[in-house]
N, C-alpha and C. Protein backbone atom coordinates (compact mmCIF):
# COMPACT_ATOMS: atom_id res chain seq x y z
N MET A 1 -17.35 24.16 24.27
CA MET A 1 -18.23 23.51 22.87
C MET A 1 -19.69 23.64 23.50
N SER A 2 -20.40 24.62 22.64
CA SER A 2 -22.10 24.17 22.75
C SER A 2 -23.02 23.05 22.38
N ASP A 3 -23.87 22.69 22.88
CA ASP A 3 -24.57 21.48 22.39
C ASP A 3 -24.65 21.65 21.07
N GLU A 4 -25.36 22.88 20.68
CA GLU A 4 -25.27 22.28 19.01
C GLU A 4 -24.34 22.35 18.23
N ALA A 5 -22.79 22.44 18.80
CA ALA A 5 -21.82 22.04 17.67
C ALA A 5 -21.81 20.73 17.65
N LEU A 6 -22.32 20.08 18.57
CA LEU A 6 -22.27 18.81 18.99
C LEU A 6 -22.98 17.73 17.97
N ASP A 7 -22.23 16.45 17.52
CA ASP A 7 -22.94 15.63 16.16
C ASP A 7 -23.11 14.57 17.07
N LEU A 8 -24.13 14.09 17.25
CA LEU A 8 -24.81 12.67 18.33
C LEU A 8 -25.37 11.97 16.79
N ARG A 9 -25.08 11.87 15.87
CA ARG A 9 -25.33 10.74 15.01
C ARG A 9 -24.33 9.59 15.27
N ARG A 10 -25.12 8.57 15.48
CA ARG A 10 -24.25 7.33 15.61
C ARG A 10 -23.57 6.75 14.31
N VAL A 11 -23.63 6.66 13.37
CA VAL A 11 -23.18 6.13 12.39
C VAL A 11 -23.43 7.55 10.90
N ILE A 12 -21.77 8.01 10.19
CA ILE A 12 -21.59 8.93 9.54
C ILE A 12 -21.12 7.63 8.46
N ALA A 13 -21.47 8.63 7.11
CA ALA A 13 -20.09 8.06 6.02
C ALA A 13 -19.36 9.42 5.66
N THR A 14 -18.24 8.61 4.81
CA THR A 14 -17.37 9.15 4.01
C THR A 14 -18.17 9.96 2.60
N ASP A 15 -17.61 10.52 2.11
CA ASP A 15 -17.97 10.75 0.57
C ASP A 15 -17.67 9.68 0.07
N ALA A 16 -16.62 9.45 -0.16
CA ALA A 16 -16.55 7.57 -0.96
C ALA A 16 -17.60 7.16 -0.96
N THR A 17 -18.17 7.10 0.14
CA THR A 17 -19.79 6.12 0.70
C THR A 17 -20.53 6.34 -0.28
N LEU A 18 -20.96 7.79 0.44
CA LEU A 18 -22.11 8.13 -0.16
C LEU A 18 -22.05 7.99 -1.92
N ALA A 19 -20.76 7.85 -2.46
CA ALA A 19 -20.88 7.95 -4.19
C ALA A 19 -21.23 6.40 -4.13
N LEU A 20 -20.54 5.29 -3.50
CA LEU A 20 -20.72 4.27 -3.83
C LEU A 20 -22.42 3.42 -3.08
N ILE A 21 -22.55 4.43 -2.14
CA ILE A 21 -23.95 4.18 -2.16
C ILE A 21 -25.53 4.46 -3.26
N GLU A 22 -24.87 6.05 -3.64
CA GLU A 22 -25.55 6.16 -4.91
C GLU A 22 -25.44 5.58 -6.30
N GLU A 23 -24.28 4.91 -6.35
CA GLU A 23 -24.17 4.03 -7.64
C GLU A 23 -24.99 2.74 -7.26
N LEU A 24 -24.79 2.24 -6.02
CA LEU A 24 -25.66 0.81 -5.92
C LEU A 24 -27.08 1.10 -6.16
N ARG A 25 -27.36 2.17 -5.31
CA ARG A 25 -29.10 2.55 -5.46
C ARG A 25 -29.74 2.59 -6.99
N ARG A 26 -28.74 3.34 -7.70
CA ARG A 26 -29.08 3.09 -9.10
C ARG A 26 -29.81 1.81 -9.57
N GLU A 27 -28.64 0.91 -9.35
CA GLU A 27 -28.69 -0.69 -10.09
C GLU A 27 -29.57 -1.18 -9.18
N HIS A 28 -29.66 -1.11 -8.07
CA HIS A 28 -30.43 -2.17 -6.88
C HIS A 28 -31.93 -1.50 -6.60
N GLY A 29 -31.84 -0.36 -6.46
CA GLY A 29 -32.96 0.42 -5.94
C GLY A 29 -32.73 0.80 -4.17
N ASN A 30 -33.89 0.91 -3.31
CA ASN A 30 -33.37 1.48 -2.04
C ASN A 30 -32.40 0.31 -1.09
N LEU A 31 -31.79 0.91 -0.53
CA LEU A 31 -30.49 -0.18 0.36
C LEU A 31 -30.82 0.11 1.79
N MET A 32 -30.15 -0.97 2.40
CA MET A 32 -30.23 -1.11 3.81
C MET A 32 -28.78 -1.63 4.02
N PHE A 33 -28.21 -1.39 5.39
CA PHE A 33 -27.23 -1.73 5.86
C PHE A 33 -27.24 -2.67 6.93
N HIS A 34 -26.61 -3.64 7.48
CA HIS A 34 -26.36 -4.21 8.78
C HIS A 34 -24.84 -4.72 9.09
N GLN A 35 -24.48 -4.02 10.22
CA GLN A 35 -23.27 -4.49 10.76
C GLN A 35 -23.73 -5.58 11.75
N SER A 36 -23.07 -7.37 11.43
CA SER A 36 -23.17 -8.21 12.14
C SER A 36 -22.31 -8.84 12.87
N GLY A 37 -21.42 -8.26 12.28
CA GLY A 37 -20.00 -9.06 12.75
C GLY A 37 -18.90 -7.81 12.90
N GLY A 38 -18.09 -8.50 13.82
CA GLY A 38 -16.68 -7.66 13.95
C GLY A 38 -17.01 -6.80 15.30
N CYS A 39 -15.53 -6.55 15.85
CA CYS A 39 -15.41 -6.20 17.15
C CYS A 39 -14.63 -4.46 16.85
N CYS A 40 -14.47 -4.37 15.99
CA CYS A 40 -13.24 -3.22 15.89
C CYS A 40 -13.01 -2.69 14.85
N ASP A 41 -12.43 -1.19 14.66
CA ASP A 41 -12.35 -1.37 13.37
C ASP A 41 -11.82 -1.91 12.18
N GLY A 42 -12.26 -1.90 10.63
CA GLY A 42 -11.77 -2.79 9.65
C GLY A 42 -13.14 -3.84 10.09
N SER A 43 -14.04 -3.61 10.49
CA SER A 43 -15.11 -4.72 10.42
C SER A 43 -15.74 -4.27 9.11
N ALA A 44 -16.44 -5.15 8.44
CA ALA A 44 -17.38 -4.70 7.22
C ALA A 44 -19.08 -4.81 7.51
N PRO A 45 -19.62 -3.81 7.33
CA PRO A 45 -21.21 -3.77 7.13
C PRO A 45 -21.40 -4.51 5.88
N MET A 46 -22.49 -5.24 5.89
CA MET A 46 -23.26 -5.98 5.05
C MET A 46 -24.47 -4.77 4.14
N CYS A 47 -24.05 -4.55 3.10
CA CYS A 47 -25.27 -3.94 2.09
C CYS A 47 -26.16 -4.88 1.13
N PHE A 48 -27.48 -4.43 1.42
CA PHE A 48 -28.57 -5.30 0.79
C PHE A 48 -29.43 -4.56 0.17
N PRO A 49 -30.54 -4.98 -0.85
CA PRO A 49 -31.46 -4.29 -1.09
C PRO A 49 -32.43 -4.04 -0.28
N ARG A 50 -32.82 -2.91 0.10
CA ARG A 50 -33.75 -2.82 0.99
C ARG A 50 -35.08 -4.06 1.25
N GLY A 51 -34.98 -4.58 2.44
CA GLY A 51 -35.67 -5.36 3.32
C GLY A 51 -35.09 -6.88 2.66
N GLY A 52 -34.13 -6.71 1.95
CA GLY A 52 -33.01 -8.04 1.66
C GLY A 52 -32.62 -8.72 2.79
N PHE A 53 -32.51 -8.20 4.24
CA PHE A 53 -32.25 -8.93 5.19
C PHE A 53 -33.35 -8.31 6.28
N LEU A 54 -34.06 -9.35 7.09
CA LEU A 54 -34.77 -9.15 7.99
C LEU A 54 -34.05 -8.51 8.86
N VAL A 55 -34.71 -7.65 9.73
CA VAL A 55 -34.13 -7.28 11.47
C VAL A 55 -35.26 -7.48 11.92
N GLY A 56 -34.96 -7.25 12.80
CA GLY A 56 -35.81 -8.05 14.44
C GLY A 56 -35.82 -6.90 15.38
N ALA A 57 -36.44 -7.67 16.93
CA ALA A 57 -36.15 -7.04 18.17
C ALA A 57 -34.82 -7.10 18.23
N SER A 58 -33.88 -7.96 17.71
CA SER A 58 -32.50 -8.01 18.19
C SER A 58 -31.45 -7.06 17.60
N ASP A 59 -31.89 -6.27 16.33
CA ASP A 59 -31.43 -5.40 16.03
C ASP A 59 -31.62 -3.86 16.35
N VAL A 60 -30.91 -2.94 16.52
CA VAL A 60 -31.05 -1.47 16.48
C VAL A 60 -30.50 -0.60 15.63
N LEU A 61 -31.45 0.28 15.16
CA LEU A 61 -31.31 1.21 13.91
C LEU A 61 -30.64 2.18 14.37
N LEU A 62 -29.39 2.09 14.16
CA LEU A 62 -28.33 3.41 14.42
C LEU A 62 -28.46 4.66 13.83
N GLY A 63 -29.43 4.85 12.75
CA GLY A 63 -29.33 5.77 11.77
C GLY A 63 -29.51 5.57 10.46
N GLU A 64 -29.22 6.57 9.73
CA GLU A 64 -29.14 6.39 8.14
C GLU A 64 -27.77 6.90 7.35
N ILE A 65 -27.31 6.61 6.45
CA ILE A 65 -26.11 6.75 5.72
C ILE A 65 -26.79 7.14 4.13
N GLY A 66 -26.39 7.99 3.72
CA GLY A 66 -26.85 8.27 2.42
C GLY A 66 -28.72 8.10 1.88
N GLY A 67 -29.29 8.37 3.20
CA GLY A 67 -30.67 8.27 2.97
C GLY A 67 -30.99 6.81 3.30
N GLU A 68 -30.33 5.91 3.68
CA GLU A 68 -30.15 4.38 3.90
C GLU A 68 -30.16 4.28 4.97
N PRO A 69 -31.38 3.15 5.44
CA PRO A 69 -30.72 2.57 7.03
C PRO A 69 -29.59 2.02 7.34
N PHE A 70 -28.93 1.89 8.63
CA PHE A 70 -28.08 1.29 9.27
C PHE A 70 -28.66 0.73 10.67
N TYR A 71 -28.36 -0.50 10.39
CA TYR A 71 -28.65 -1.65 11.82
C TYR A 71 -27.45 -2.08 12.24
N MET A 72 -27.47 -2.47 13.66
CA MET A 72 -26.65 -3.28 14.17
C MET A 72 -27.42 -4.07 14.95
N GLY A 73 -26.76 -5.25 15.12
CA GLY A 73 -27.32 -6.18 16.29
C GLY A 73 -27.14 -6.22 17.90
N ARG A 74 -28.06 -5.97 18.29
CA ARG A 74 -28.38 -5.53 19.44
C ARG A 74 -27.15 -6.01 20.66
N ALA A 75 -26.44 -7.12 20.53
CA ALA A 75 -25.46 -7.17 21.51
C ALA A 75 -24.45 -6.69 20.83
N GLN A 76 -23.74 -6.39 19.39
CA GLN A 76 -22.89 -5.79 19.32
C GLN A 76 -23.30 -4.32 19.45
N PHE A 77 -24.06 -3.79 19.29
CA PHE A 77 -24.35 -2.50 19.67
C PHE A 77 -23.76 -1.94 21.19
N GLU A 78 -24.13 -3.00 22.18
CA GLU A 78 -23.83 -2.93 23.66
C GLU A 78 -21.96 -2.61 23.65
N TYR A 79 -21.74 -3.19 22.74
CA TYR A 79 -20.06 -3.36 23.17
C TYR A 79 -19.23 -1.87 22.17
N TRP A 80 -20.32 -1.48 20.95
CA TRP A 80 -19.92 -0.14 20.45
C TRP A 80 -20.49 1.21 20.64
N ARG A 81 -21.35 1.34 21.67
CA ARG A 81 -22.41 1.99 22.09
C ARG A 81 -22.19 3.58 22.50
N HIS A 82 -20.91 3.15 22.92
CA HIS A 82 -19.75 4.83 23.00
C HIS A 82 -18.93 4.92 21.75
N THR A 83 -18.91 4.52 20.94
CA THR A 83 -18.37 5.22 19.31
C THR A 83 -19.50 5.32 18.36
N ARG A 84 -18.87 6.56 17.92
CA ARG A 84 -19.46 6.90 16.51
C ARG A 84 -18.83 6.05 15.42
N LEU A 85 -19.72 5.19 14.21
CA LEU A 85 -19.30 4.79 13.22
C LEU A 85 -19.34 5.47 12.15
N ILE A 86 -18.16 5.66 11.57
CA ILE A 86 -17.57 6.31 10.04
C ILE A 86 -17.73 5.02 8.89
N ILE A 87 -18.66 5.17 7.86
CA ILE A 87 -18.36 4.33 7.06
C ILE A 87 -17.98 4.85 5.84
N ASP A 88 -16.91 4.32 5.69
CA ASP A 88 -15.87 4.12 4.81
C ASP A 88 -15.75 3.08 3.25
N VAL A 89 -15.13 3.47 2.38
CA VAL A 89 -14.88 2.44 1.45
C VAL A 89 -13.26 2.41 1.24
N VAL A 90 -12.74 1.41 0.52
CA VAL A 90 -11.65 0.83 0.34
C VAL A 90 -11.90 0.04 -0.61
N PRO A 91 -10.37 -0.41 -1.77
CA PRO A 91 -10.40 -1.19 -2.48
C PRO A 91 -10.50 -2.56 -1.95
N GLY A 92 -11.54 -3.34 -2.52
CA GLY A 92 -11.21 -4.72 -2.33
C GLY A 92 -12.99 -5.63 -2.45
N ARG A 93 -12.53 -6.77 -2.15
CA ARG A 93 -14.23 -7.47 -2.23
C ARG A 93 -14.63 -7.43 -1.12
N GLY A 94 -16.15 -6.88 -0.84
CA GLY A 94 -17.06 -7.34 0.39
C GLY A 94 -17.53 -8.42 0.76
N GLY A 95 -18.11 -8.70 1.48
CA GLY A 95 -19.11 -9.85 2.23
C GLY A 95 -19.38 -11.06 0.98
N MET A 96 -19.95 -12.05 0.83
CA MET A 96 -20.32 -12.50 -0.54
C MET A 96 -21.26 -12.28 -0.46
N PHE A 97 -22.45 -11.60 0.37
CA PHE A 97 -23.60 -11.20 -0.22
C PHE A 97 -24.03 -9.83 -0.25
N SER A 98 -22.80 -9.34 0.58
CA SER A 98 -23.54 -7.76 0.24
C SER A 98 -22.97 -6.87 -1.32
N LEU A 99 -24.14 -6.28 -1.74
CA LEU A 99 -24.02 -5.76 -2.91
C LEU A 99 -23.00 -5.00 -3.78
N GLU A 100 -21.87 -4.42 -2.86
CA GLU A 100 -20.73 -3.86 -3.53
C GLU A 100 -19.46 -4.54 -3.76
N GLY A 101 -19.65 -6.04 -3.35
CA GLY A 101 -18.93 -7.06 -3.78
C GLY A 101 -18.05 -7.05 -5.24
N PRO A 102 -19.08 -6.86 -6.58
CA PRO A 102 -18.96 -6.86 -7.97
C PRO A 102 -17.52 -5.65 -8.33
N THR A 103 -17.68 -4.38 -7.36
CA THR A 103 -17.60 -3.10 -7.82
C THR A 103 -15.70 -2.76 -7.58
N GLY A 104 -15.36 -3.81 -6.76
CA GLY A 104 -13.84 -3.84 -6.71
C GLY A 104 -13.93 -3.59 -5.09
N LYS A 105 -14.81 -2.77 -4.40
CA LYS A 105 -14.79 -2.01 -3.13
C LYS A 105 -15.35 -2.61 -2.50
N ARG A 106 -15.40 -2.15 -1.26
CA ARG A 106 -15.90 -2.76 0.06
C ARG A 106 -16.31 -1.36 1.02
N PHE A 107 -16.92 -1.76 1.92
CA PHE A 107 -17.46 -0.90 2.64
C PHE A 107 -16.77 -1.30 4.11
N LEU A 108 -15.95 -0.77 4.87
CA LEU A 108 -15.33 -0.39 6.31
C LEU A 108 -15.52 0.56 7.13
N THR A 109 -15.86 -0.31 8.50
CA THR A 109 -16.24 0.48 9.39
C THR A 109 -15.09 1.03 10.36
N ARG A 110 -14.67 2.10 10.62
CA ARG A 110 -14.11 2.85 11.37
C ARG A 110 -15.23 3.49 12.17
N SER A 111 -13.94 3.93 13.40
CA SER A 111 -15.03 4.61 14.45
C SER A 111 -14.24 5.63 15.57
N THR A 112 -14.66 6.32 16.32
CA THR A 112 -14.39 7.54 17.04
C THR A 112 -15.14 7.17 18.34
N LEU A 113 -14.23 7.33 19.56
CA LEU A 113 -15.33 7.50 20.93
C LEU A 113 -16.14 9.26 21.03
N TYR A 114 -17.14 9.01 21.30
CA TYR A 114 -17.65 9.72 22.17
C TYR A 114 -17.10 10.48 22.90
N SER A 115 -17.22 12.14 23.02
CA SER A 115 -16.88 12.61 24.35
C SER A 115 -17.36 12.66 25.48
N GLU A 116 -16.83 12.79 26.42
CA GLU A 116 -17.42 12.39 27.75
C GLU A 116 -19.00 13.30 27.56
N VAL A 117 -19.02 14.28 26.94
CA VAL A 117 -20.16 15.19 26.76
C VAL A 117 -21.06 14.71 25.80
N GLU A 118 -20.55 14.07 24.78
CA GLU A 118 -21.56 13.49 23.44
C GLU A 118 -21.98 12.27 24.71
N ASP A 119 -21.45 11.33 25.28
CA ASP A 119 -21.78 10.11 25.43
C ASP A 119 -22.94 10.42 26.62
N ALA A 120 -22.62 11.29 27.37
CA ALA A 120 -23.38 11.54 28.86
C ALA A 120 -25.01 11.92 27.69
N LEU A 121 -25.03 13.06 26.90
CA LEU A 121 -26.34 13.21 26.13
C LEU A 121 -26.68 12.49 25.50
N LEU A 122 -26.23 11.08 24.91
CA LEU A 122 -26.78 10.05 24.35
C LEU A 122 -27.39 8.99 25.38
């Protein structure tokens, strides 16, 4: 596998996630995501209006999904650093303060381990 074929993004989104982000952006403006809990697949990132959650030195910017920043607490990042997060959408209610709550859908984190080559490059 050539280096050009490697996908080193730390967070990506499914098509369903991108569609829900667009729906929420139309209603709430620019957004942001924060994964502040959960240690494994099935954890739920929170979606806020941009600036609606204060990030600081204890947070890591993993990248963007749908053009919106995605953060994770540094301690949690140390646990997840060898994985790519895949943000998906499933039926159900999200976190109490997460913007997708009223939609009947919720964001869900899945993950895949980086290959040895990807992990070394990161």
